[in-house]
């Protein structure tokens, strides 16, 4: 997850540089929004894993609900926390909006890793 977080931060810095140069586009703003949401989701998941509320081994949210009252969902015989699918959607958006083929390949790999989790 650290590689993904570093990638997100680097991309946001690149967008910030474009802002400083006055070359920011609407696509950059949309991409920054997706990156910011993804970063927030990763920080929340990291915090839950650190607190022991989210078990990677069991694939479920132990208390059954998150702070917003949402339940874990059952997916193919195992429980998946609903943020997994949100994260997967955000990664799919990032993959489609990637600035180059290498970035697109990296994001696709992370999305596939998330599915296997």
Protein backbone atom coordinates (compact mmCIF):
# COMPACT_ATOMS: atom_id res chain seq x y z
CA UNK A 1 0.00 0.00 0.00
CA UNK A 2 2.99 2.31 0.53
CA UNK A 3 3.92 2.16 -3.16
CA UNK A 4 0.40 3.20 -4.10
CA UNK A 5 0.42 6.05 -1.57
CA UNK A 6 3.80 7.28 -2.86
CA UNK A 7 2.50 7.16 -6.44
CA UNK A 8 -0.58 9.17 -5.47
CA UNK A 9 1.48 11.80 -3.65
CA UNK A 10 3.88 12.10 -6.60
CA UNK A 11 0.98 12.55 -9.02
CA UNK A 12 -0.58 15.21 -6.79
CA UNK A 13 2.76 17.05 -6.64
CA UNK A 14 2.95 16.97 -10.45
CA UNK A 15 -0.53 18.49 -10.66
CA UNK A 16 0.46 21.12 -8.11
CA UNK A 17 3.46 22.00 -10.29
CA UNK A 18 1.10 22.48 -13.25
CA UNK A 19 -0.97 24.83 -11.09
CA UNK A 20 2.12 26.91 -10.31
CA UNK A 21 2.93 27.12 -14.03
CA UNK A 22 -0.65 28.03 -14.98
CA UNK A 23 -1.08 24.91 -17.12
CA UNK A 24 -3.81 23.16 -15.13
CA UNK A 25 -6.60 21.56 -17.19
CA UNK A 26 -10.03 20.30 -16.22
CA UNK A 27 -8.75 16.74 -16.70
CA UNK A 28 -5.96 17.50 -14.18
CA UNK A 29 -8.53 18.72 -11.67
CA UNK A 30 -10.67 15.61 -12.13
CA UNK A 31 -7.60 13.39 -11.81
CA UNK A 32 -6.53 15.26 -8.65
CA UNK A 33 -10.01 14.72 -7.20
CA UNK A 34 -9.81 10.98 -7.87
CA UNK A 35 -6.32 10.84 -6.36
CA UNK A 36 -7.44 12.76 -3.27
CA UNK A 37 -10.38 10.41 -2.70
CA UNK A 38 -8.15 7.40 -3.18
CA UNK A 39 -5.58 8.78 -0.74
CA UNK A 40 -8.32 9.39 1.83
CA UNK A 41 -9.62 5.83 1.41
CA UNK A 42 -6.12 4.39 1.84
CA UNK A 43 -5.54 6.43 5.00
CA UNK A 44 -8.85 5.24 6.45
CA UNK A 45 -8.06 1.60 5.64
CA UNK A 46 -4.56 1.98 7.06
CA UNK A 47 -6.01 3.47 10.25
CA UNK A 48 -8.52 0.65 10.60
CA UNK A 49 -5.84 -1.97 10.07
CA UNK A 50 -3.62 -0.26 12.67
CA UNK A 51 -6.48 -0.16 15.18
CA UNK A 52 -7.29 -3.82 14.58
CA UNK A 53 -10.83 -3.01 13.41
CA UNK A 54 -10.28 -4.38 9.91
CA UNK A 55 -8.88 -7.85 9.51
CA UNK A 56 -7.10 -8.57 6.25
CA UNK A 57 -7.00 -12.28 7.10
CA UNK A 58 -10.72 -12.54 7.65
CA UNK A 59 -11.59 -10.03 4.96
CA UNK A 60 -14.27 -8.45 7.11
CA UNK A 61 -14.94 -5.46 9.24
CA UNK A 62 -15.15 -6.96 12.74
CA UNK A 63 -17.78 -4.63 14.14
CA UNK A 64 -19.95 -5.08 11.08
CA UNK A 65 -20.36 -1.35 10.39
CA UNK A 66 -18.13 1.59 9.68
CA UNK A 67 -18.40 5.10 11.11
CA UNK A 68 -21.10 5.92 8.56
CA UNK A 69 -23.23 2.90 9.49
CA UNK A 70 -22.46 0.84 6.38
CA UNK A 71 -22.19 -2.93 6.65
CA UNK A 72 -19.59 -5.24 5.17
CA UNK A 73 -20.82 -7.00 2.05
CA UNK A 74 -20.61 -10.69 1.25
CA UNK A 75 -18.76 -11.35 -2.01
CA UNK A 76 -18.16 -14.81 -3.43
CA UNK A 77 -18.19 -16.65 -0.12
CA UNK A 78 -16.02 -14.15 1.74
CA UNK A 79 -16.80 -10.84 3.34
CA UNK A 80 -15.44 -7.73 1.68
CA UNK A 81 -15.53 -4.36 3.33
CA UNK A 82 -17.55 -1.96 1.18
CA UNK A 83 -14.58 0.43 0.87
CA UNK A 84 -12.76 -2.29 -1.12
CA UNK A 85 -15.21 -1.87 -3.98
CA UNK A 86 -15.05 1.93 -3.68
CA UNK A 87 -11.27 1.74 -3.82
CA UNK A 88 -11.45 -0.58 -6.81
CA UNK A 89 -13.72 1.91 -8.62
CA UNK A 90 -11.33 4.76 -7.90
CA UNK A 91 -8.40 2.72 -9.14
CA UNK A 92 -10.33 1.93 -12.32
CA UNK A 93 -10.90 5.68 -12.84
CA UNK A 94 -7.20 6.33 -12.24
CA UNK A 95 -6.29 3.63 -14.74
CA UNK A 96 -8.48 5.22 -17.41
CA UNK A 97 -7.11 8.72 -16.72
CA UNK A 98 -3.45 7.78 -16.34
CA UNK A 99 -1.06 10.12 -18.09
CA UNK A 100 1.04 7.37 -19.67
CA UNK A 101 1.08 3.62 -20.32
CA UNK A 102 3.47 2.86 -17.43
CA UNK A 103 1.20 4.61 -14.89
CA UNK A 104 -1.82 2.83 -16.36
CA UNK A 105 -0.07 -0.54 -16.00
CA UNK A 106 0.88 0.16 -12.36
CA UNK A 107 -2.65 1.18 -11.39
CA UNK A 108 -4.11 -1.87 -13.14
CA UNK A 109 -1.72 -4.08 -11.17
CA UNK A 110 -2.80 -2.48 -7.87
CA UNK A 111 -6.47 -2.96 -8.77
CA UNK A 112 -5.83 -6.64 -9.50
CA UNK A 113 -3.96 -7.01 -6.19
CA UNK A 114 -6.91 -5.50 -4.36
CA UNK A 115 -9.25 -8.04 -5.98
CA UNK A 116 -7.06 -10.94 -4.81
CA UNK A 117 -6.98 -9.69 -1.22
